[in-house]
């Protein structure tokens, strides 16, 4: 179902927008400030966020920045809604990651048309960057977010770690139990990876039973703790197969001056040497 998140500190604006979304048969939620909005998105990612700029607690600019920095919410279409209408304000909002900028007072029909654009854009992004089998990001999305996270790690001088995993006996599972069972194993492992990851982590399915788990602000020690917890949880899963799952996982931390391709290559080498 299509869902819109309304973020505005004015209750009258939220009420007016909710009427229009209800008439359009869109599901919607409300938040009175940026912090509430991020909490709502952490619970469930909305297709479109209509985001006021001037709010207490956390303003729209900072909220938009955090939406874009979090891989879980980065695909959401953000419409900035504000009384500020200078060129500099519009440029700042777009530079921060907003997809569209509408000034108050606004014509509801214009906003609803922009929401329809946003819904189409969100699902187009989903189709190009998500793996339909596991509902995780695909390799293309992982590479894009890896570039962003390496740049952010360098800018803020915080650690960045990655776990790389592969199912060594996926071919045997498919041959013995059938493709449907193999797909179910992949989906269950993906679900567990998502459950064990933190807000801000990025879990990706590269295909062929390979997964990558990017952990911003975690050093390798913390990454190892997370992986041990994952392995314990996976062992307790009912995968519907008689054979034990041959799951190999390695962790490593980004080194100073290391680029995305070198980081991934080092992870792949470590995985191939370990298993």
C-alpha atoms as a PDB file:
ATOM      1  CA  UNK A   1       0.000   0.000   0.000  1.00  0.00           C
ATOM      2  CA  UNK A   2       1.205   3.528  -0.819  1.00  0.00           C
ATOM      3  CA  UNK A   3       2.235   5.433   2.304  1.00  0.00           C
ATOM      4  CA  UNK A   4       3.097   9.084   2.894  1.00  0.00           C
ATOM      5  CA  UNK A   5       4.717  10.511   6.035  1.00  0.00           C
ATOM      6  CA  UNK A   6       3.589  14.048   6.916  1.00  0.00           C
ATOM      7  CA  UNK A   7       6.201  15.923   8.967  1.00  0.00           C
ATOM      8  CA  UNK A   8       5.132  19.368  10.166  1.00  0.00           C
ATOM      9  CA  UNK A   9       4.965  21.037  13.571  1.00  0.00           C
ATOM     10  CA  UNK A  10       1.670  22.753  12.633  1.00  0.00           C
ATOM     11  CA  UNK A  11      -1.238  20.467  13.459  1.00  0.00           C
ATOM     12  CA  UNK A  12      -3.492  22.354  11.024  1.00  0.00           C
ATOM     13  CA  UNK A  13      -1.143  21.554   8.113  1.00  0.00           C
ATOM     14  CA  UNK A  14      -0.993  17.885   9.083  1.00  0.00           C
ATOM     15  CA  UNK A  15      -4.787  17.744   9.363  1.00  0.00           C
ATOM     16  CA  UNK A  16      -5.299  19.424   5.972  1.00  0.00           C
ATOM     17  CA  UNK A  17      -2.807  17.117   4.240  1.00  0.00           C
ATOM     18  CA  UNK A  18      -4.283  14.031   5.892  1.00  0.00           C
ATOM     19  CA  UNK A  19      -7.684  14.876   4.389  1.00  0.00           C
ATOM     20  CA  UNK A  20      -6.213  14.999   0.872  1.00  0.00           C
ATOM     21  CA  UNK A  21      -4.241  11.781   1.355  1.00  0.00           C
ATOM     22  CA  UNK A  22      -7.296  10.052   2.754  1.00  0.00           C
ATOM     23  CA  UNK A  23      -9.342  11.100  -0.294  1.00  0.00           C
ATOM     24  CA  UNK A  24      -6.554   9.758  -2.543  1.00  0.00           C
ATOM     25  CA  UNK A  25      -6.703   6.476  -0.572  1.00  0.00           C
ATOM     26  CA  UNK A  26      -3.078   6.774   0.520  1.00  0.00           C
ATOM     27  CA  UNK A  27      -2.030   5.381   3.865  1.00  0.00           C
ATOM     28  CA  UNK A  28      -0.324   8.090   5.911  1.00  0.00           C
ATOM     29  CA  UNK A  29       1.376   8.739   9.215  1.00  0.00           C
ATOM     30  CA  UNK A  30       2.240  11.984  10.986  1.00  0.00           C
ATOM     31  CA  UNK A  31       5.205  13.430  12.864  1.00  0.00           C
ATOM     32  CA  UNK A  32       5.553  16.831  14.531  1.00  0.00           C
ATOM     33  CA  UNK A  33       9.339  17.151  14.169  1.00  0.00           C
ATOM     34  CA  UNK A  34      12.382  15.542  12.600  1.00  0.00           C
ATOM     35  CA  UNK A  35      13.177  13.192  15.448  1.00  0.00           C
ATOM     36  CA  UNK A  36       9.646  11.785  15.395  1.00  0.00           C
ATOM     37  CA  UNK A  37       9.905  11.419  11.619  1.00  0.00           C
ATOM     38  CA  UNK A  38      13.108   9.385  11.831  1.00  0.00           C
ATOM     39  CA  UNK A  39      11.509   7.153  14.464  1.00  0.00           C
ATOM     40  CA  UNK A  40       8.495   6.568  12.190  1.00  0.00           C
ATOM     41  CA  UNK A  41      10.765   5.752   9.235  1.00  0.00           C
ATOM     42  CA  UNK A  42      12.807   3.380  11.364  1.00  0.00           C
ATOM     43  CA  UNK A  43       9.597   1.482  12.147  1.00  0.00           C
ATOM     44  CA  UNK A  44       8.576   1.385   8.490  1.00  0.00           C
ATOM     45  CA  UNK A  45       9.900   3.204   5.412  1.00  0.00           C
ATOM     46  CA  UNK A  46       7.352   5.444   3.694  1.00  0.00           C
ATOM     47  CA  UNK A  47       7.223   5.922  -0.081  1.00  0.00           C
ATOM     48  CA  UNK A  48       7.102   9.723   0.201  1.00  0.00           C
ATOM     49  CA  UNK A  49       7.942  12.160   2.993  1.00  0.00           C
ATOM     50  CA  UNK A  50       6.353  15.626   2.973  1.00  0.00           C
ATOM     51  CA  UNK A  51       8.826  17.483   5.165  1.00  0.00           C
ATOM     52  CA  UNK A  52       8.478  20.960   6.682  1.00  0.00           C
ATOM     53  CA  UNK A  53      11.698  22.958   6.860  1.00  0.00           C
ATOM     54  CA  UNK A  54      11.218  25.023  10.008  1.00  0.00           C
ATOM     55  CA  UNK A  55      10.490  22.760  12.998  1.00  0.00           C
ATOM     56  CA  UNK A  56      11.537  22.503  16.651  1.00  0.00           C
ATOM     57  CA  UNK A  57      13.776  19.701  17.984  1.00  0.00           C
ATOM     58  CA  UNK A  58      15.169  18.850  14.521  1.00  0.00           C
ATOM     59  CA  UNK A  59      14.587  20.948  11.409  1.00  0.00           C
ATOM     60  CA  UNK A  60      13.860  19.704   7.913  1.00  0.00           C
ATOM     61  CA  UNK A  61      17.405  20.157   6.592  1.00  0.00           C
ATOM     62  CA  UNK A  62      18.942  17.902   9.241  1.00  0.00           C
ATOM     63  CA  UNK A  63      16.083  15.423   8.927  1.00  0.00           C
ATOM     64  CA  UNK A  64      16.560  15.215   5.156  1.00  0.00           C
ATOM     65  CA  UNK A  65      20.307  14.736   5.578  1.00  0.00           C
ATOM     66  CA  UNK A  66      19.748  11.838   7.964  1.00  0.00           C
ATOM     67  CA  UNK A  67      17.139  10.262   5.689  1.00  0.00           C
ATOM     68  CA  UNK A  68      19.661  10.252   2.851  1.00  0.00           C
ATOM     69  CA  UNK A  69      22.559   8.969   4.994  1.00  0.00           C
ATOM     70  CA  UNK A  70      20.572   5.974   6.271  1.00  0.00           C
ATOM     71  CA  UNK A  71      20.567   3.189   3.650  1.00  0.00           C
ATOM     72  CA  UNK A  72      17.205   1.962   4.924  1.00  0.00           C
ATOM     73  CA  UNK A  73      15.513   5.282   4.095  1.00  0.00           C
ATOM     74  CA  UNK A  74      17.735   6.693   1.341  1.00  0.00           C
ATOM     75  CA  UNK A  75      15.350   5.744  -1.483  1.00  0.00           C
ATOM     76  CA  UNK A  76      12.401   7.640   0.015  1.00  0.00           C
ATOM     77  CA  UNK A  77      11.145  10.572  -2.071  1.00  0.00           C
ATOM     78  CA  UNK A  78      11.403  13.786  -0.011  1.00  0.00           C
ATOM     79  CA  UNK A  79       9.252  16.836  -0.731  1.00  0.00           C
ATOM     80  CA  UNK A  80      10.464  19.876   1.217  1.00  0.00           C
ATOM     81  CA  UNK A  81       7.548  22.073   2.287  1.00  0.00           C
ATOM     82  CA  UNK A  82       8.418  25.536   3.608  1.00  0.00           C
ATOM     83  CA  UNK A  83       7.592  29.235   3.778  1.00  0.00           C
ATOM     84  CA  UNK A  84      11.176  30.050   2.750  1.00  0.00           C
ATOM     85  CA  UNK A  85      11.201  30.734  -0.972  1.00  0.00           C
ATOM     86  CA  UNK A  86      14.597  32.280  -1.762  1.00  0.00           C
ATOM     87  CA  UNK A  87      16.784  30.669  -4.395  1.00  0.00           C
ATOM     88  CA  UNK A  88      19.472  29.975  -1.784  1.00  0.00           C
ATOM     89  CA  UNK A  89      16.960  28.173   0.434  1.00  0.00           C
ATOM     90  CA  UNK A  90      15.722  26.023  -2.437  1.00  0.00           C
ATOM     91  CA  UNK A  91      19.247  25.169  -3.514  1.00  0.00           C
ATOM     92  CA  UNK A  92      20.230  24.279   0.068  1.00  0.00           C
ATOM     93  CA  UNK A  93      17.249  21.962   0.396  1.00  0.00           C
ATOM     94  CA  UNK A  94      17.974  20.219  -2.880  1.00  0.00           C
ATOM     95  CA  UNK A  95      21.676  19.935  -2.048  1.00  0.00           C
ATOM     96  CA  UNK A  96      20.744  18.294   1.254  1.00  0.00           C
ATOM     97  CA  UNK A  97      18.906  15.587  -0.677  1.00  0.00           C
ATOM     98  CA  UNK A  98      15.341  16.827  -1.149  1.00  0.00           C
ATOM     99  CA  UNK A  99      13.722  15.681  -4.396  1.00  0.00           C
ATOM    100  CA  UNK A 100      11.278  18.582  -4.667  1.00  0.00           C
ATOM    101  CA  UNK A 101      10.681  21.940  -3.008  1.00  0.00           C
ATOM    102  CA  UNK A 102       7.227  23.504  -2.557  1.00  0.00           C
ATOM    103  CA  UNK A 103       6.681  26.842  -0.820  1.00  0.00           C
ATOM    104  CA  UNK A 104       3.874  27.786   1.553  1.00  0.00           C
ATOM    105  CA  UNK A 105       1.140  28.794   0.956  1.00  0.00           C
ATOM    106  CA  UNK A 106       0.736  26.017  -1.578  1.00  0.00           C
ATOM    107  CA  UNK A 107      -1.983  24.687  -3.831  1.00  0.00           C
ATOM    108  CA  UNK A 108      -2.974  21.184  -2.608  1.00  0.00           C
ATOM    109  CA  UNK A 109      -3.410  19.959  -6.185  1.00  0.00           C
ATOM    110  CA  UNK A 110       0.225  20.840  -6.919  1.00  0.00           C
ATOM    111  CA  UNK A 111       1.400  18.970  -3.835  1.00  0.00           C
ATOM    112  CA  UNK A 112      -0.702  15.901  -4.685  1.00  0.00           C
ATOM    113  CA  UNK A 113       0.720  15.902  -8.222  1.00  0.00           C
ATOM    114  CA  UNK A 114       4.231  16.010  -6.751  1.00  0.00           C
ATOM    115  CA  UNK A 115       3.348  13.143  -4.397  1.00  0.00           C
ATOM    116  CA  UNK A 116       2.254  11.065  -7.403  1.00  0.00           C
ATOM    117  CA  UNK A 117       5.615  11.818  -9.048  1.00  0.00           C
ATOM    118  CA  UNK A 118       7.338  10.780  -5.833  1.00  0.00           C
ATOM    119  CA  UNK A 119       5.475   7.468  -5.613  1.00  0.00           C
ATOM    120  CA  UNK A 120       6.545   6.542  -9.146  1.00  0.00           C
ATOM    121  CA  UNK A 121      10.128   7.612  -8.433  1.00  0.00           C
ATOM    122  CA  UNK A 122      10.277   5.617  -5.196  1.00  0.00           C
ATOM    123  CA  UNK A 123       9.168   2.399  -6.866  1.00  0.00           C
ATOM    124  CA  UNK A 124      11.519   2.952  -9.798  1.00  0.00           C
ATOM    125  CA  UNK A 125      14.374   3.309  -7.316  1.00  0.00           C
ATOM    126  CA  UNK A 126      13.223   0.194  -5.519  1.00  0.00           C
ATOM    127  CA  UNK A 127      13.139  -1.829  -8.728  1.00  0.00           C
ATOM    128  CA  UNK A 128      16.680  -0.842  -9.746  1.00  0.00           C
ATOM    129  CA  UNK A 129      18.359  -1.041  -6.347  1.00  0.00           C
ATOM    130  CA  UNK A 130      16.535  -3.857  -4.512  1.00  0.00           C
ATOM    131  CA  UNK A 131      16.849  -7.627  -4.904  1.00  0.00           C
ATOM    132  CA  UNK A 132      13.270  -8.949  -5.234  1.00  0.00           C
ATOM    133  CA  UNK A 133      14.061 -12.395  -3.799  1.00  0.00           C
ATOM    134  CA  UNK A 134      15.567 -11.241  -0.500  1.00  0.00           C
ATOM    135  CA  UNK A 135      14.152  -7.704  -0.283  1.00  0.00           C
ATOM    136  CA  UNK A 136      17.700  -6.493   0.385  1.00  0.00           C
ATOM    137  CA  UNK A 137      19.731  -3.970  -1.562  1.00  0.00           C
ATOM    138  CA  UNK A 138      21.478  -5.397  -4.618  1.00  0.00           C
ATOM    139  CA  UNK A 139      25.142  -5.093  -5.534  1.00  0.00           C
ATOM    140  CA  UNK A 140      24.598  -1.863  -7.448  1.00  0.00           C
ATOM    141  CA  UNK A 141      23.041  -0.206  -4.405  1.00  0.00           C
ATOM    142  CA  UNK A 142      25.783  -1.567  -2.154  1.00  0.00           C
ATOM    143  CA  UNK A 143      28.497  -0.019  -4.320  1.00  0.00           C
ATOM    144  CA  UNK A 144      26.749   3.356  -4.279  1.00  0.00           C
ATOM    145  CA  UNK A 145      26.298   3.359  -0.506  1.00  0.00           C
ATOM    146  CA  UNK A 146      29.826   2.066   0.056  1.00  0.00           C
ATOM    147  CA  UNK A 147      31.231   5.109  -1.766  1.00  0.00           C
ATOM    148  CA  UNK A 148      29.080   7.361   0.417  1.00  0.00           C
ATOM    149  CA  UNK A 149      29.973   5.633   3.692  1.00  0.00           C
ATOM    150  CA  UNK A 150      33.719   5.625   2.982  1.00  0.00           C
ATOM    151  CA  UNK A 151      33.572   9.354   2.281  1.00  0.00           C
ATOM    152  CA  UNK A 152      31.547   9.921   5.466  1.00  0.00           C
ATOM    153  CA  UNK A 153      33.917   7.794   7.552  1.00  0.00           C
ATOM    154  CA  UNK A 154      36.839   9.882   6.357  1.00  0.00           C
ATOM    155  CA  UNK A 155      35.041  13.162   6.946  1.00  0.00           C
ATOM    156  CA  UNK A 156      33.978  12.322  10.500  1.00  0.00           C
ATOM    157  CA  UNK A 157      36.985  10.111  11.321  1.00  0.00           C
ATOM    158  CA  UNK A 158      34.901   7.182  12.489  1.00  0.00           C
ATOM    159  CA  UNK A 159      35.462   3.464  11.766  1.00  0.00           C
ATOM    160  CA  UNK A 160      33.735   1.483   9.065  1.00  0.00           C
ATOM    161  CA  UNK A 161      33.566  -2.315   8.989  1.00  0.00           C
ATOM    162  CA  UNK A 162      32.134  -4.905   6.679  1.00  0.00           C
ATOM    163  CA  UNK A 163      31.133  -8.558   6.919  1.00  0.00           C
ATOM    164  CA  UNK A 164      31.140 -10.640   3.759  1.00  0.00           C
ATOM    165  CA  UNK A 165      29.231 -13.933   3.747  1.00  0.00           C
ATOM    166  CA  UNK A 166      28.548 -16.772   1.368  1.00  0.00           C
ATOM    167  CA  UNK A 167      26.530 -19.991   1.444  1.00  0.00           C
ATOM    168  CA  UNK A 168      29.031 -22.589   0.299  1.00  0.00           C
ATOM    169  CA  UNK A 169      26.541 -25.400  -0.303  1.00  0.00           C
ATOM    170  CA  UNK A 170      23.764 -23.417  -2.025  1.00  0.00           C
ATOM    171  CA  UNK A 171      24.228 -25.355  -5.288  1.00  0.00           C
ATOM    172  CA  UNK A 172      23.929 -28.663  -3.423  1.00  0.00           C
ATOM    173  CA  UNK A 173      20.787 -27.438  -1.645  1.00  0.00           C
ATOM    174  CA  UNK A 174      19.208 -26.475  -4.961  1.00  0.00           C
ATOM    175  CA  UNK A 175      20.110 -29.814  -6.535  1.00  0.00           C
ATOM    176  CA  UNK A 176      18.936 -31.933  -3.594  1.00  0.00           C
ATOM    177  CA  UNK A 177      15.883 -29.988  -2.426  1.00  0.00           C
ATOM    178  CA  UNK A 178      14.940 -27.845  -5.431  1.00  0.00           C
ATOM    179  CA  UNK A 179      15.229 -24.166  -6.361  1.00  0.00           C
ATOM    180  CA  UNK A 180      12.202 -23.186  -4.277  1.00  0.00           C
ATOM    181  CA  UNK A 181      13.879 -24.514  -1.128  1.00  0.00           C
ATOM    182  CA  UNK A 182      17.142 -22.793  -2.030  1.00  0.00           C
ATOM    183  CA  UNK A 183      15.322 -19.499  -2.510  1.00  0.00           C
ATOM    184  CA  UNK A 184      13.598 -19.972   0.847  1.00  0.00           C
ATOM    185  CA  UNK A 185      16.990 -20.460   2.528  1.00  0.00           C
ATOM    186  CA  UNK A 186      18.253 -17.230   0.952  1.00  0.00           C
ATOM    187  CA  UNK A 187      15.140 -15.346   2.029  1.00  0.00           C
ATOM    188  CA  UNK A 188      15.345 -16.607   5.628  1.00  0.00           C
ATOM    189  CA  UNK A 189      19.035 -15.723   5.875  1.00  0.00           C
ATOM    190  CA  UNK A 190      18.289 -12.269   4.460  1.00  0.00           C
ATOM    191  CA  UNK A 191      15.506 -11.802   7.006  1.00  0.00           C
ATOM    192  CA  UNK A 192      17.859 -12.714   9.848  1.00  0.00           C
ATOM    193  CA  UNK A 193      20.552 -10.383   8.526  1.00  0.00           C
ATOM    194  CA  UNK A 194      18.031  -7.552   8.448  1.00  0.00           C
ATOM    195  CA  UNK A 195      16.881  -8.340  11.977  1.00  0.00           C
ATOM    196  CA  UNK A 196      20.448  -8.329  13.332  1.00  0.00           C
ATOM    197  CA  UNK A 197      21.548  -5.154  11.539  1.00  0.00           C
ATOM    198  CA  UNK A 198      21.322  -1.753  13.161  1.00  0.00           C
ATOM    199  CA  UNK A 199      19.631   1.357  11.862  1.00  0.00           C
ATOM    200  CA  UNK A 200      22.169   2.830   9.446  1.00  0.00           C
ATOM    201  CA  UNK A 201      23.724  -0.530   8.499  1.00  0.00           C
ATOM    202  CA  UNK A 202      23.462  -1.738   4.918  1.00  0.00           C
ATOM    203  CA  UNK A 203      22.762  -5.376   4.113  1.00  0.00           C
ATOM    204  CA  UNK A 204      23.059  -6.417   0.474  1.00  0.00           C
ATOM    205  CA  UNK A 205      22.506  -9.578  -1.561  1.00  0.00           C
ATOM    206  CA  UNK A 206      25.142  -9.803  -4.276  1.00  0.00           C
ATOM    207  CA  UNK A 207      23.596 -12.910  -5.800  1.00  0.00           C
ATOM    208  CA  UNK A 208      24.767 -16.540  -5.855  1.00  0.00           C
ATOM    209  CA  UNK A 209      24.337 -16.864  -2.098  1.00  0.00           C
ATOM    210  CA  UNK A 210      26.689 -13.976  -1.269  1.00  0.00           C
ATOM    211  CA  UNK A 211      25.829 -11.205   1.185  1.00  0.00           C
ATOM    212  CA  UNK A 212      27.571  -8.030   2.322  1.00  0.00           C
ATOM    213  CA  UNK A 213      26.870  -6.284   5.624  1.00  0.00           C
ATOM    214  CA  UNK A 214      28.259  -2.762   5.946  1.00  0.00           C
ATOM    215  CA  UNK A 215      28.513  -1.436   9.525  1.00  0.00           C
ATOM    216  CA  UNK A 216      29.248   2.308   9.818  1.00  0.00           C
ATOM    217  CA  UNK A 217      30.852   3.475  13.080  1.00  0.00           C
ATOM    218  CA  UNK A 218      31.792  -0.102  14.023  1.00  0.00           C
ATOM    219  CA  UNK A 219      35.371  -1.294  14.313  1.00  0.00           C
ATOM    220  CA  UNK A 220      36.286  -4.898  13.489  1.00  0.00           C
ATOM    221  CA  UNK A 221      35.869  -6.024  17.104  1.00  0.00           C
ATOM    222  CA  UNK A 222      32.289  -4.763  17.162  1.00  0.00           C
ATOM    223  CA  UNK A 223      31.684  -6.323  13.733  1.00  0.00           C
ATOM    224  CA  UNK A 224      32.883  -9.699  15.023  1.00  0.00           C
ATOM    225  CA  UNK A 225      30.463  -9.483  17.955  1.00  0.00           C
ATOM    226  CA  UNK A 226      27.599  -8.765  15.551  1.00  0.00           C
ATOM    227  CA  UNK A 227      28.590 -11.672  13.293  1.00  0.00           C
ATOM    228  CA  UNK A 228      28.795 -14.121  16.207  1.00  0.00           C
ATOM    229  CA  UNK A 229      25.278 -13.094  17.212  1.00  0.00           C
ATOM    230  CA  UNK A 230      24.118 -13.626  13.633  1.00  0.00           C
ATOM    231  CA  UNK A 231      25.687 -17.084  13.378  1.00  0.00           C
ATOM    232  CA  UNK A 232      24.005 -18.147  16.618  1.00  0.00           C
ATOM    233  CA  UNK A 233      20.635 -16.939  15.328  1.00  0.00           C
ATOM    234  CA  UNK A 234      21.075 -18.643  11.942  1.00  0.00           C
ATOM    235  CA  UNK A 235      21.848 -21.990  13.630  1.00  0.00           C
ATOM    236  CA  UNK A 236      18.490 -21.761  15.385  1.00  0.00           C
ATOM    237  CA  UNK A 237      16.553 -21.164  12.149  1.00  0.00           C
ATOM    238  CA  UNK A 238      14.336 -23.846  10.653  1.00  0.00           C
ATOM    239  CA  UNK A 239      15.504 -23.755   7.039  1.00  0.00           C
ATOM    240  CA  UNK A 240      13.592 -26.832   5.949  1.00  0.00           C
ATOM    241  CA  UNK A 241      16.702 -28.764   4.924  1.00  0.00           C
ATOM    242  CA  UNK A 242      18.389 -31.788   6.468  1.00  0.00           C
ATOM    243  CA  UNK A 243      21.909 -30.624   5.658  1.00  0.00           C
ATOM    244  CA  UNK A 244      23.724 -28.086   7.832  1.00  0.00           C
ATOM    245  CA  UNK A 245      24.105 -24.669   6.225  1.00  0.00           C
ATOM    246  CA  UNK A 246      27.682 -24.062   5.075  1.00  0.00           C
ATOM    247  CA  UNK A 247      27.798 -20.377   5.996  1.00  0.00           C
ATOM    248  CA  UNK A 248      31.169 -18.643   5.774  1.00  0.00           C
ATOM    249  CA  UNK A 249      31.590 -15.098   7.085  1.00  0.00           C
ATOM    250  CA  UNK A 250      34.617 -12.816   7.415  1.00  0.00           C
ATOM    251  CA  UNK A 251      34.903  -9.315   8.840  1.00  0.00           C
ATOM    252  CA  UNK A 252      37.327  -6.494   8.184  1.00  0.00           C
ATOM    253  CA  UNK A 253      37.665  -2.785   8.876  1.00  0.00           C
ATOM    254  CA  UNK A 254      38.424   0.003   6.429  1.00  0.00           C
ATOM    255  CA  UNK A 255      42.043   1.146   6.523  1.00  0.00           C
ATOM    256  CA  UNK A 256      43.284   4.720   6.085  1.00  0.00           C
ATOM    257  CA  UNK A 257      43.252   5.824   2.475  1.00  0.00           C
ATOM    258  CA  UNK A 258      41.484   2.674   1.258  1.00  0.00           C
ATOM    259  CA  UNK A 259      39.003   3.116  -1.584  1.00  0.00           C
ATOM    260  CA  UNK A 260      35.800   1.150  -2.283  1.00  0.00           C
ATOM    261  CA  UNK A 261      37.270  -1.273  -4.820  1.00  0.00           C
ATOM    262  CA  UNK A 262      40.286  -2.079  -2.630  1.00  0.00           C
ATOM    263  CA  UNK A 263      38.061  -2.582   0.412  1.00  0.00           C
ATOM    264  CA  UNK A 264      35.790  -5.008  -1.450  1.00  0.00           C
ATOM    265  CA  UNK A 265      38.727  -6.830  -3.056  1.00  0.00           C
ATOM    266  CA  UNK A 266      40.356  -7.334   0.333  1.00  0.00           C
ATOM    267  CA  UNK A 267      37.083  -8.710   1.723  1.00  0.00           C
ATOM    268  CA  UNK A 268      36.690 -11.137  -1.181  1.00  0.00           C
ATOM    269  CA  UNK A 269      40.288 -12.333  -0.828  1.00  0.00           C
ATOM    270  CA  UNK A 270      39.837 -12.884   2.890  1.00  0.00           C
ATOM    271  CA  UNK A 271      36.629 -14.846   2.302  1.00  0.00           C
ATOM    272  CA  UNK A 272      38.169 -17.052  -0.393  1.00  0.00           C
ATOM    273  CA  UNK A 273      41.205 -17.784   1.780  1.00  0.00           C
ATOM    274  CA  UNK A 274      39.121 -18.586   4.864  1.00  0.00           C
ATOM    275  CA  UNK A 275      36.594 -20.890   3.165  1.00  0.00           C
END
